[in-house]
């Protein structure tokens, strides 16, 4: 069988695409903003804050956790989520390097 689509691209290109996925849905952006605002959260609080159903919030939390931008600790029957500072810092470096590119005086369109 042939290459998967992601294998056609560099590790950096795949990393940028994965990080971008975090910002690809406004609910994930709202979750990240809320976690920064309160420096931690229990999932039930997010349901009230964001206004989406618990399963929807859980799916977005799962995506953010898979991307490594948040981490969670079990506290009783709840999971307390917070920003993973090390991965967030790495993501910022990668994305800033990508976003800081400029067009070098080329005339196009």
PDB file of N, CA and C in Angstrom:
ATOM      1  N   UNK A   1       0.837  -1.182   0.000  1.00  0.00           N
ATOM      2  CA  UNK A   1       0.000   0.000   0.000  1.00  0.00           C
ATOM      3  C   UNK A   1       0.881   1.244   0.000  1.00  0.00           C
ATOM      4  N   UNK A   2       0.397   2.354  -0.515  1.00  0.00           N
ATOM      5  CA  UNK A   2       1.165   3.586  -0.649  1.00  0.00           C
ATOM      6  C   UNK A   2       1.295   4.351   0.649  1.00  0.00           C
ATOM      7  N   UNK A   3       1.919   5.491   0.543  1.00  0.00           N
ATOM      8  CA  UNK A   3       2.114   6.363   1.691  1.00  0.00           C
ATOM      9  C   UNK A   3       0.792   6.948   2.165  1.00  0.00           C
ATOM     10  N   UNK A   4       0.686   7.174   3.473  1.00  0.00           N
ATOM     11  CA  UNK A   4      -0.455   7.939   3.952  1.00  0.00           C
ATOM     12  C   UNK A   4      -0.184   9.398   3.634  1.00  0.00           C
ATOM     13  N   UNK A   5      -1.204  10.189   3.626  1.00  0.00           N
ATOM     14  CA  UNK A   5      -1.026  11.597   3.258  1.00  0.00           C
ATOM     15  C   UNK A   5      -0.025  12.311   4.158  1.00  0.00           C
ATOM     16  N   UNK A   6      -0.039  12.015   5.445  1.00  0.00           N
ATOM     17  CA  UNK A   6       0.869  12.719   6.351  1.00  0.00           C
ATOM     18  C   UNK A   6       2.324  12.334   6.127  1.00  0.00           C
ATOM     19  N   UNK A   7       2.584  11.160   5.619  1.00  0.00           N
ATOM     20  CA  UNK A   7       3.965  10.730   5.380  1.00  0.00           C
ATOM     21  C   UNK A   7       4.613  11.483   4.226  1.00  0.00           C
ATOM     22  N   UNK A   8       3.814  12.163   3.428  1.00  0.00           N
ATOM     23  CA  UNK A   8       4.340  12.935   2.300  1.00  0.00           C
ATOM     24  C   UNK A   8       4.982  14.242   2.761  1.00  0.00           C
ATOM     25  N   UNK A   9       4.726  14.631   4.009  1.00  0.00           N
ATOM     26  CA  UNK A   9       5.141  15.938   4.501  1.00  0.00           C
ATOM     27  C   UNK A   9       6.183  15.791   5.603  1.00  0.00           C
ATOM     28  N   UNK A  10       6.890  16.869   5.885  1.00  0.00           N
ATOM     29  CA  UNK A  10       7.926  16.839   6.917  1.00  0.00           C
ATOM     30  C   UNK A  10       7.291  16.735   8.305  1.00  0.00           C
ATOM     31  N   UNK A  11       8.121  16.368   9.264  1.00  0.00           N
ATOM     32  CA  UNK A  11       7.645  16.307  10.649  1.00  0.00           C
ATOM     33  C   UNK A  11       7.148  17.679  11.105  1.00  0.00           C
ATOM     34  N   UNK A  12       7.872  18.734  10.713  1.00  0.00           N
ATOM     35  CA  UNK A  12       7.472  20.091  11.096  1.00  0.00           C
ATOM     36  C   UNK A  12       6.126  20.455  10.487  1.00  0.00           C
ATOM     37  N   UNK A  13       5.908  20.128   9.226  1.00  0.00           N
ATOM     38  CA  UNK A  13       4.623  20.421   8.577  1.00  0.00           C
ATOM     39  C   UNK A  13       3.486  19.673   9.276  1.00  0.00           C
ATOM     40  N   UNK A  14       3.721  18.439   9.642  1.00  0.00           N
ATOM     41  CA  UNK A  14       2.705  17.669  10.364  1.00  0.00           C
ATOM     42  C   UNK A  14       2.446  18.243  11.753  1.00  0.00           C
ATOM     43  N   UNK A  15       3.516  18.692  12.418  1.00  0.00           N
ATOM     44  CA  UNK A  15       3.371  19.277  13.750  1.00  0.00           C
ATOM     45  C   UNK A  15       2.551  20.568  13.679  1.00  0.00           C
ATOM     46  N   UNK A  16       2.840  21.414  12.713  1.00  0.00           N
ATOM     47  CA  UNK A  16       2.088  22.662  12.543  1.00  0.00           C
ATOM     48  C   UNK A  16       0.616  22.362  12.270  1.00  0.00           C
ATOM     49  N   UNK A  17       0.363  21.385  11.423  1.00  0.00           N
ATOM     50  CA  UNK A  17      -1.025  21.014  11.099  1.00  0.00           C
ATOM     51  C   UNK A  17      -1.761  20.498  12.333  1.00  0.00           C
ATOM     52  N   UNK A  18      -1.086  19.697  13.150  1.00  0.00           N
ATOM     53  CA  UNK A  18      -1.725  19.180  14.361  1.00  0.00           C
ATOM     54  C   UNK A  18      -2.027  20.292  15.354  1.00  0.00           C
ATOM     55  N   UNK A  19      -1.052  21.182  15.561  1.00  0.00           N
ATOM     56  CA  UNK A  19      -1.300  22.299  16.469  1.00  0.00           C
ATOM     57  C   UNK A  19      -2.442  23.172  15.947  1.00  0.00           C
ATOM     58  N   UNK A  20      -2.484  23.377  14.650  1.00  0.00           N
ATOM     59  CA  UNK A  20      -3.541  24.200  14.061  1.00  0.00           C
ATOM     60  C   UNK A  20      -4.920  23.597  14.302  1.00  0.00           C
ATOM     61  N   UNK A  21      -4.962  22.291  14.407  1.00  0.00           N
ATOM     62  CA  UNK A  21      -6.232  21.612  14.659  1.00  0.00           C
ATOM     63  C   UNK A  21      -6.851  22.080  15.973  1.00  0.00           C
ATOM     64  N   UNK A  22      -6.008  22.421  16.934  1.00  0.00           N
ATOM     65  CA  UNK A  22      -6.517  22.894  18.222  1.00  0.00           C
ATOM     66  C   UNK A  22      -7.354  24.153  18.055  1.00  0.00           C
ATOM     67  N   UNK A  23      -6.990  24.984  17.080  1.00  0.00           N
ATOM     68  CA  UNK A  23      -7.686  26.253  16.874  1.00  0.00           C
ATOM     69  C   UNK A  23      -8.735  26.157  15.771  1.00  0.00           C
ATOM     70  N   UNK A  24      -8.957  24.946  15.279  1.00  0.00           N
ATOM     71  CA  UNK A  24      -9.881  24.728  14.178  1.00  0.00           C
ATOM     72  C   UNK A  24     -11.338  24.678  14.589  1.00  0.00           C
ATOM     73  N   UNK A  25     -11.626  24.773  15.869  1.00  0.00           N
ATOM     74  CA  UNK A  25     -13.013  24.789  16.331  1.00  0.00           C
ATOM     75  C   UNK A  25     -13.134  25.813  17.459  1.00  0.00           C
ATOM     76  N   UNK A  26     -14.125  26.679  17.392  1.00  0.00           N
ATOM     77  CA  UNK A  26     -14.253  27.727  18.410  1.00  0.00           C
ATOM     78  C   UNK A  26     -14.451  27.178  19.824  1.00  0.00           C
ATOM     79  N   UNK A  27     -15.009  25.987  19.967  1.00  0.00           N
ATOM     80  CA  UNK A  27     -15.182  25.410  21.304  1.00  0.00           C
ATOM     81  C   UNK A  27     -13.822  25.119  21.935  1.00  0.00           C
ATOM     82  N   UNK A  28     -12.862  24.625  21.139  1.00  0.00           N
ATOM     83  CA  UNK A  28     -11.534  24.348  21.678  1.00  0.00           C
ATOM     84  C   UNK A  28     -10.817  25.648  22.044  1.00  0.00           C
ATOM     85  N   UNK A  29     -11.021  26.675  21.239  1.00  0.00           N
ATOM     86  CA  UNK A  29     -10.443  27.985  21.558  1.00  0.00           C
ATOM     87  C   UNK A  29     -11.046  28.493  22.872  1.00  0.00           C
ATOM     88  N   UNK A  30     -12.350  28.372  23.033  1.00  0.00           N
ATOM     89  CA  UNK A  30     -13.022  28.827  24.253  1.00  0.00           C
ATOM     90  C   UNK A  30     -12.547  28.036  25.469  1.00  0.00           C
ATOM     91  N   UNK A  31     -12.356  26.732  25.300  1.00  0.00           N
ATOM     92  CA  UNK A  31     -11.860  25.897  26.403  1.00  0.00           C
ATOM     93  C   UNK A  31     -10.466  26.361  26.813  1.00  0.00           C
ATOM     94  N   UNK A  32      -9.584  26.564  25.840  1.00  0.00           N
ATOM     95  CA  UNK A  32      -8.227  27.019  26.150  1.00  0.00           C
ATOM     96  C   UNK A  32      -8.254  28.386  26.839  1.00  0.00           C
ATOM     97  N   UNK A  33      -9.070  29.295  26.342  1.00  0.00           N
ATOM     98  CA  UNK A  33      -9.170  30.618  26.962  1.00  0.00           C
ATOM     99  C   UNK A  33      -9.645  30.509  28.404  1.00  0.00           C
ATOM    100  N   UNK A  34     -10.621  29.652  28.641  1.00  0.00           N
ATOM    101  CA  UNK A  34     -11.157  29.478  29.995  1.00  0.00           C
ATOM    102  C   UNK A  34     -10.092  28.879  30.914  1.00  0.00           C
ATOM    103  N   UNK A  35      -9.343  27.895  30.415  1.00  0.00           N
ATOM    104  CA  UNK A  35      -8.300  27.282  31.237  1.00  0.00           C
ATOM    105  C   UNK A  35      -7.205  28.286  31.585  1.00  0.00           C
ATOM    106  N   UNK A  36      -6.878  29.182  30.652  1.00  0.00           N
ATOM    107  CA  UNK A  36      -5.902  30.222  30.954  1.00  0.00           C
ATOM    108  C   UNK A  36      -6.456  31.196  31.995  1.00  0.00           C
ATOM    109  N   UNK A  37      -7.731  31.506  31.869  1.00  0.00           N
ATOM    110  CA  UNK A  37      -8.352  32.486  32.765  1.00  0.00           C
ATOM    111  C   UNK A  37      -8.367  31.995  34.207  1.00  0.00           C
ATOM    112  N   UNK A  38      -8.690  30.722  34.413  1.00  0.00           N
ATOM    113  CA  UNK A  38      -8.819  30.249  35.786  1.00  0.00           C
ATOM    114  C   UNK A  38      -7.678  29.333  36.226  1.00  0.00           C
ATOM    115  N   UNK A  39      -6.745  29.037  35.311  1.00  0.00           N
ATOM    116  CA  UNK A  39      -5.576  28.219  35.599  1.00  0.00           C
ATOM    117  C   UNK A  39      -5.944  26.825  36.099  1.00  0.00           C
ATOM    118  N   UNK A  40      -6.974  26.233  35.558  1.00  0.00           N
ATOM    119  CA  UNK A  40      -7.414  24.878  35.907  1.00  0.00           C
ATOM    120  C   UNK A  40      -8.919  24.811  35.804  1.00  0.00           C
ATOM    121  N   UNK A  41      -9.461  23.636  35.716  1.00  0.00           N
ATOM    122  CA  UNK A  41     -10.908  23.543  35.535  1.00  0.00           C
ATOM    123  C   UNK A  41     -11.377  22.112  35.754  1.00  0.00           C
ATOM    124  N   UNK A  42     -12.601  21.975  36.193  1.00  0.00           N
ATOM    125  CA  UNK A  42     -13.263  20.673  36.237  1.00  0.00           C
ATOM    126  C   UNK A  42     -14.243  20.650  35.080  1.00  0.00           C
ATOM    127  N   UNK A  43     -14.361  19.525  34.428  1.00  0.00           N
ATOM    128  CA  UNK A  43     -15.146  19.431  33.190  1.00  0.00           C
ATOM    129  C   UNK A  43     -16.561  19.990  33.336  1.00  0.00           C
ATOM    130  N   UNK A  44     -17.202  19.767  34.444  1.00  0.00           N
ATOM    131  CA  UNK A  44     -18.557  20.282  34.648  1.00  0.00           C
ATOM    132  C   UNK A  44     -18.620  21.792  34.550  1.00  0.00           C
ATOM    133  N   UNK A  45     -17.574  22.468  35.033  1.00  0.00           N
ATOM    134  CA  UNK A  45     -17.505  23.923  34.924  1.00  0.00           C
ATOM    135  C   UNK A  45     -17.487  24.355  33.467  1.00  0.00           C
ATOM    136  N   UNK A  46     -16.816  23.578  32.639  1.00  0.00           N
ATOM    137  CA  UNK A  46     -16.736  23.919  31.222  1.00  0.00           C
ATOM    138  C   UNK A  46     -18.091  23.815  30.547  1.00  0.00           C
ATOM    139  N   UNK A  47     -18.888  22.852  30.940  1.00  0.00           N
ATOM    140  CA  UNK A  47     -20.227  22.711  30.362  1.00  0.00           C
ATOM    141  C   UNK A  47     -21.031  23.980  30.625  1.00  0.00           C
ATOM    142  N   UNK A  48     -20.963  24.475  31.856  1.00  0.00           N
ATOM    143  CA  UNK A  48     -21.676  25.704  32.203  1.00  0.00           C
ATOM    144  C   UNK A  48     -21.072  26.915  31.491  1.00  0.00           C
ATOM    145  N   UNK A  49     -19.758  26.986  31.471  1.00  0.00           N
ATOM    146  CA  UNK A  49     -19.062  28.140  30.886  1.00  0.00           C
ATOM    147  C   UNK A  49     -19.251  28.232  29.373  1.00  0.00           C
ATOM    148  N   UNK A  50     -19.100  27.111  28.675  1.00  0.00           N
ATOM    149  CA  UNK A  50     -19.118  27.098  27.209  1.00  0.00           C
ATOM    150  C   UNK A  50     -20.543  26.941  26.678  1.00  0.00           C
ATOM    151  N   UNK A  51     -21.368  26.198  27.395  1.00  0.00           N
ATOM    152  CA  UNK A  51     -22.757  26.034  26.973  1.00  0.00           C
ATOM    153  C   UNK A  51     -23.000  24.879  26.018  1.00  0.00           C
ATOM    154  N   UNK A  52     -22.055  23.962  25.925  1.00  0.00           N
ATOM    155  CA  UNK A  52     -22.236  22.778  25.086  1.00  0.00           C
ATOM    156  C   UNK A  52     -22.503  21.571  25.972  1.00  0.00           C
ATOM    157  N   UNK A  53     -23.007  20.507  25.376  1.00  0.00           N
ATOM    158  CA  UNK A  53     -23.307  19.289  26.118  1.00  0.00           C
ATOM    159  C   UNK A  53     -22.024  18.637  26.642  1.00  0.00           C
ATOM    160  N   UNK A  54     -22.161  17.911  27.744  1.00  0.00           N
ATOM    161  CA  UNK A  54     -21.011  17.236  28.355  1.00  0.00           C
ATOM    162  C   UNK A  54     -20.247  16.346  27.368  1.00  0.00           C
ATOM    163  N   UNK A  55     -20.927  15.511  26.556  1.00  0.00           N
ATOM    164  CA  UNK A  55     -20.173  14.673  25.616  1.00  0.00           C
ATOM    165  C   UNK A  55     -19.383  15.493  24.587  1.00  0.00           C
ATOM    166  N   UNK A  56     -19.931  16.623  24.184  1.00  0.00           N
ATOM    167  CA  UNK A  56     -19.248  17.488  23.217  1.00  0.00           C
ATOM    168  C   UNK A  56     -18.002  18.099  23.850  1.00  0.00           C
ATOM    169  N   UNK A  57     -18.141  18.599  25.067  1.00  0.00           N
ATOM    170  CA  UNK A  57     -17.001  19.160  25.796  1.00  0.00           C
ATOM    171  C   UNK A  57     -15.933  18.085  25.984  1.00  0.00           C
ATOM    172  N   UNK A  58     -16.362  16.892  26.361  1.00  0.00           N
ATOM    173  CA  UNK A  58     -15.418  15.792  26.575  1.00  0.00           C
ATOM    174  C   UNK A  58     -14.649  15.456  25.307  1.00  0.00           C
ATOM    175  N   UNK A  59     -15.308  15.495  24.168  1.00  0.00           N
ATOM    176  CA  UNK A  59     -14.641  15.204  22.902  1.00  0.00           C
ATOM    177  C   UNK A  59     -13.592  16.274  22.585  1.00  0.00           C
ATOM    178  N   UNK A  60     -13.925  17.524  22.825  1.00  0.00           N
ATOM    179  CA  UNK A  60     -12.961  18.601  22.580  1.00  0.00           C
ATOM    180  C   UNK A  60     -11.789  18.519  23.563  1.00  0.00           C
ATOM    181  N   UNK A  61     -12.066  18.179  24.819  1.00  0.00           N
ATOM    182  CA  UNK A  61     -10.995  17.996  25.793  1.00  0.00           C
ATOM    183  C   UNK A  61     -10.083  16.854  25.374  1.00  0.00           C
ATOM    184  N   UNK A  62     -10.676  15.785  24.856  1.00  0.00           N
ATOM    185  CA  UNK A  62      -9.892  14.642  24.388  1.00  0.00           C
ATOM    186  C   UNK A  62      -8.951  15.067  23.257  1.00  0.00           C
ATOM    187  N   UNK A  63      -9.465  15.848  22.313  1.00  0.00           N
ATOM    188  CA  UNK A  63      -8.636  16.335  21.201  1.00  0.00           C
ATOM    189  C   UNK A  63      -7.480  17.191  21.711  1.00  0.00           C
ATOM    190  N   UNK A  64      -7.777  18.110  22.629  1.00  0.00           N
ATOM    191  CA  UNK A  64      -6.736  18.983  23.167  1.00  0.00           C
ATOM    192  C   UNK A  64      -5.694  18.197  23.954  1.00  0.00           C
ATOM    193  N   UNK A  65      -6.151  17.164  24.641  1.00  0.00           N
ATOM    194  CA  UNK A  65      -5.226  16.331  25.399  1.00  0.00           C
ATOM    195  C   UNK A  65      -4.353  15.498  24.453  1.00  0.00           C
ATOM    196  N   UNK A  66      -4.950  14.956  23.395  1.00  0.00           N
ATOM    197  CA  UNK A  66      -4.173  14.202  22.407  1.00  0.00           C
ATOM    198  C   UNK A  66      -3.122  15.079  21.738  1.00  0.00           C
ATOM    199  N   UNK A  67      -3.440  16.337  21.534  1.00  0.00           N
ATOM    200  CA  UNK A  67      -2.503  17.282  20.943  1.00  0.00           C
ATOM    201  C   UNK A  67      -1.436  17.714  21.947  1.00  0.00           C
ATOM    202  N   UNK A  68      -1.649  17.372  23.216  1.00  0.00           N
ATOM    203  CA  UNK A  68      -0.670  17.678  24.250  1.00  0.00           C
ATOM    204  C   UNK A  68      -0.758  19.084  24.802  1.00  0.00           C
ATOM    205  N   UNK A  69      -1.800  19.819  24.454  1.00  0.00           N
ATOM    206  CA  UNK A  69      -1.897  21.201  24.919  1.00  0.00           C
ATOM    207  C   UNK A  69      -2.489  21.316  26.313  1.00  0.00           C
ATOM    208  N   UNK A  70      -3.231  20.295  26.739  1.00  0.00           N
ATOM    209  CA  UNK A  70      -3.761  20.269  28.097  1.00  0.00           C
ATOM    210  C   UNK A  70      -3.401  18.934  28.732  1.00  0.00           C
ATOM    211  N   UNK A  71      -3.494  18.910  30.039  1.00  0.00           N
ATOM    212  CA  UNK A  71      -3.320  17.665  30.774  1.00  0.00           C
ATOM    213  C   UNK A  71      -4.398  17.613  31.839  1.00  0.00           C
ATOM    214  N   UNK A  72      -4.704  16.415  32.305  1.00  0.00           N
ATOM    215  CA  UNK A  72      -5.768  16.260  33.286  1.00  0.00           C
ATOM    216  C   UNK A  72      -5.363  15.344  34.416  1.00  0.00           C
ATOM    217  N   UNK A  73      -5.856  15.662  35.594  1.00  0.00           N
ATOM    218  CA  UNK A  73      -5.638  14.848  36.787  1.00  0.00           C
ATOM    219  C   UNK A  73      -6.978  14.453  37.369  1.00  0.00           C
ATOM    220  N   UNK A  74      -7.101  13.191  37.771  1.00  0.00           N
ATOM    221  CA  UNK A  74      -8.336  12.715  38.379  1.00  0.00           C
ATOM    222  C   UNK A  74      -8.400  13.240  39.803  1.00  0.00           C
ATOM    223  N   UNK A  75      -9.538  13.868  40.106  1.00  0.00           N
ATOM    224  CA  UNK A  75      -9.796  14.366  41.459  1.00  0.00           C
ATOM    225  C   UNK A  75     -11.167  13.864  41.866  1.00  0.00           C
ATOM    226  N   UNK A  76     -11.202  12.765  42.576  1.00  0.00           N
ATOM    227  CA  UNK A  76     -12.470  12.145  42.946  1.00  0.00           C
ATOM    228  C   UNK A  76     -13.146  11.578  41.719  1.00  0.00           C
ATOM    229  N   UNK A  77     -14.352  12.057  41.444  1.00  0.00           N
ATOM    230  CA  UNK A  77     -15.089  11.582  40.265  1.00  0.00           C
ATOM    231  C   UNK A  77     -14.933  12.517  39.073  1.00  0.00           C
ATOM    232  N   UNK A  78     -14.135  13.548  39.234  1.00  0.00           N
ATOM    233  CA  UNK A  78     -13.941  14.523  38.158  1.00  0.00           C
ATOM    234  C   UNK A  78     -12.494  14.511  37.679  1.00  0.00           C
ATOM    235  N   UNK A  79     -12.278  15.111  36.528  1.00  0.00           N
ATOM    236  CA  UNK A  79     -10.927  15.313  36.013  1.00  0.00           C
ATOM    237  C   UNK A  79     -10.686  16.811  35.955  1.00  0.00           C
ATOM    238  N   UNK A  80      -9.610  17.238  36.579  1.00  0.00           N
ATOM    239  CA  UNK A  80      -9.233  18.648  36.565  1.00  0.00           C
ATOM    240  C   UNK A  80      -8.242  18.858  35.429  1.00  0.00           C
ATOM    241  N   UNK A  81      -8.578  19.727  34.493  1.00  0.00           N
ATOM    242  CA  UNK A  81      -7.732  19.993  33.333  1.00  0.00           C
ATOM    243  C   UNK A  81      -6.998  21.306  33.508  1.00  0.00           C
ATOM    244  N   UNK A  82      -5.786  21.358  32.939  1.00  0.00           N
ATOM    245  CA  UNK A  82      -5.031  22.602  32.907  1.00  0.00           C
ATOM    246  C   UNK A  82      -4.158  22.602  31.653  1.00  0.00           C
ATOM    247  N   UNK A  83      -3.613  23.767  31.329  1.00  0.00           N
ATOM    248  CA  UNK A  83      -2.707  23.902  30.191  1.00  0.00           C
ATOM    249  C   UNK A  83      -1.413  23.168  30.506  1.00  0.00           C
ATOM    250  N   UNK A  84      -0.915  22.399  29.554  1.00  0.00           N
ATOM    251  CA  UNK A  84       0.402  21.771  29.699  1.00  0.00           C
ATOM    252  C   UNK A  84       1.429  22.821  29.286  1.00  0.00           C
ATOM    253  N   UNK A  85       2.060  23.443  30.267  1.00  0.00           N
ATOM    254  CA  UNK A  85       2.923  24.602  30.016  1.00  0.00           C
ATOM    255  C   UNK A  85       4.078  24.287  29.066  1.00  0.00           C
ATOM    256  N   UNK A  86       4.713  23.144  29.231  1.00  0.00           N
ATOM    257  CA  UNK A  86       5.857  22.800  28.387  1.00  0.00           C
ATOM    258  C   UNK A  86       5.430  22.627  26.930  1.00  0.00           C
ATOM    259  N   UNK A  87       4.344  21.897  26.708  1.00  0.00           N
ATOM    260  CA  UNK A  87       3.865  21.691  25.340  1.00  0.00           C
ATOM    261  C   UNK A  87       3.300  22.977  24.745  1.00  0.00           C
ATOM    262  N   UNK A  88       2.664  23.806  25.568  1.00  0.00           N
ATOM    263  CA  UNK A  88       2.137  25.083  25.081  1.00  0.00           C
ATOM    264  C   UNK A  88       3.285  25.977  24.609  1.00  0.00           C
ATOM    265  N   UNK A  89       4.364  26.014  25.393  1.00  0.00           N
ATOM    266  CA  UNK A  89       5.536  26.815  25.026  1.00  0.00           C
ATOM    267  C   UNK A  89       6.140  26.308  23.725  1.00  0.00           C
ATOM    268  N   UNK A  90       6.246  24.998  23.587  1.00  0.00           N
ATOM    269  CA  UNK A  90       6.778  24.416  22.345  1.00  0.00           C
ATOM    270  C   UNK A  90       5.881  24.761  21.161  1.00  0.00           C
ATOM    271  N   UNK A  91       4.570  24.637  21.351  1.00  0.00           N
ATOM    272  CA  UNK A  91       3.626  24.957  20.275  1.00  0.00           C
ATOM    273  C   UNK A  91       3.777  26.414  19.854  1.00  0.00           C
ATOM    274  N   UNK A  92       3.925  27.318  20.812  1.00  0.00           N
ATOM    275  CA  UNK A  92       4.086  28.736  20.487  1.00  0.00           C
ATOM    276  C   UNK A  92       5.339  28.971  19.660  1.00  0.00           C
ATOM    277  N   UNK A  93       6.444  28.324  20.013  1.00  0.00           N
ATOM    278  CA  UNK A  93       7.685  28.491  19.262  1.00  0.00           C
ATOM    279  C   UNK A  93       7.510  28.020  17.822  1.00  0.00           C
ATOM    280  N   UNK A  94       6.920  26.844  17.660  1.00  0.00           N
ATOM    281  CA  UNK A  94       6.725  26.279  16.322  1.00  0.00           C
ATOM    282  C   UNK A  94       5.807  27.169  15.494  1.00  0.00           C
ATOM    283  N   UNK A  95       4.688  27.580  16.083  1.00  0.00           N
ATOM    284  CA  UNK A  95       3.706  28.373  15.346  1.00  0.00           C
ATOM    285  C   UNK A  95       4.215  29.785  15.067  1.00  0.00           C
ATOM    286  N   UNK A  96       4.928  30.383  16.014  1.00  0.00           N
ATOM    287  CA  UNK A  96       5.475  31.726  15.782  1.00  0.00           C
ATOM    288  C   UNK A  96       6.506  31.722  14.663  1.00  0.00           C
ATOM    289  N   UNK A  97       7.326  30.688  14.617  1.00  0.00           N
ATOM    290  CA  UNK A  97       8.307  30.577  13.537  1.00  0.00           C
ATOM    291  C   UNK A  97       7.588  30.479  12.193  1.00  0.00           C
ATOM    292  N   UNK A  98       6.528  29.700  12.146  1.00  0.00           N
ATOM    293  CA  UNK A  98       5.760  29.548  10.909  1.00  0.00           C
ATOM    294  C   UNK A  98       5.041  30.846  10.541  1.00  0.00           C
ATOM    295  N   UNK A  99       4.399  31.470  11.502  1.00  0.00           N
ATOM    296  CA  UNK A  99       3.592  32.667  11.249  1.00  0.00           C
ATOM    297  C   UNK A  99       4.437  33.922  11.040  1.00  0.00           C
ATOM    298  N   UNK A 100       5.698  33.870  11.430  1.00  0.00           N
ATOM    299  CA  UNK A 100       6.555  35.036  11.304  1.00  0.00           C
ATOM    300  C   UNK A 100       7.208  35.146   9.918  1.00  0.00           C
ATOM    301  N   UNK A 101       6.810  34.303   8.999  1.00  0.00           N
ATOM    302  CA  UNK A 101       7.354  34.369   7.641  1.00  0.00           C
ATOM    303  C   UNK A 101       6.761  35.572   6.906  1.00  0.00           C
ATOM    304  N   UNK A 102       7.592  36.201   6.090  1.00  0.00           N
ATOM    305  CA  UNK A 102       7.140  37.337   5.297  1.00  0.00           C
ATOM    306  C   UNK A 102       7.407  37.067   3.821  1.00  0.00           C
ATOM    307  N   UNK A 103       6.633  37.696   2.997  1.00  0.00           N
ATOM    308  CA  UNK A 103       6.846  37.608   1.546  1.00  0.00           C
ATOM    309  C   UNK A 103       7.985  38.577   1.214  1.00  0.00           C
ATOM    310  N   UNK A 104       8.962  38.081   0.489  1.00  0.00           N
ATOM    311  CA  UNK A 104      10.165  38.874   0.208  1.00  0.00           C
ATOM    312  C   UNK A 104      10.016  39.682  -1.078  1.00  0.00           C
ATOM    313  N   UNK A 105       9.304  40.787  -1.026  1.00  0.00           N
ATOM    314  CA  UNK A 105       9.168  41.724  -2.141  1.00  0.00           C
ATOM    315  C   UNK A 105       8.851  41.081  -3.486  1.00  0.00           C
ATOM    316  N   UNK A 106       8.113  40.024  -3.479  1.00  0.00           N
ATOM    317  CA  UNK A 106       7.724  39.396  -4.743  1.00  0.00           C
ATOM    318  C   UNK A 106       6.409  40.004  -5.191  1.00  0.00           C
ATOM    319  N   UNK A 107       6.309  40.220  -6.476  1.00  0.00           N
ATOM    320  CA  UNK A 107       5.072  40.763  -7.015  1.00  0.00           C
ATOM    321  C   UNK A 107       4.263  39.606  -7.594  1.00  0.00           C
ATOM    322  N   UNK A 108       3.109  39.436  -7.035  1.00  0.00           N
ATOM    323  CA  UNK A 108       2.251  38.348  -7.456  1.00  0.00           C
ATOM    324  C   UNK A 108       0.803  38.821  -7.383  1.00  0.00           C
ATOM    325  N   UNK A 109       0.026  38.426  -8.335  1.00  0.00           N
ATOM    326  CA  UNK A 109      -1.404  38.743  -8.395  1.00  0.00           C
ATOM    327  C   UNK A 109      -1.647  40.228  -8.275  1.00  0.00           C
TER     328      UNK A 109
END
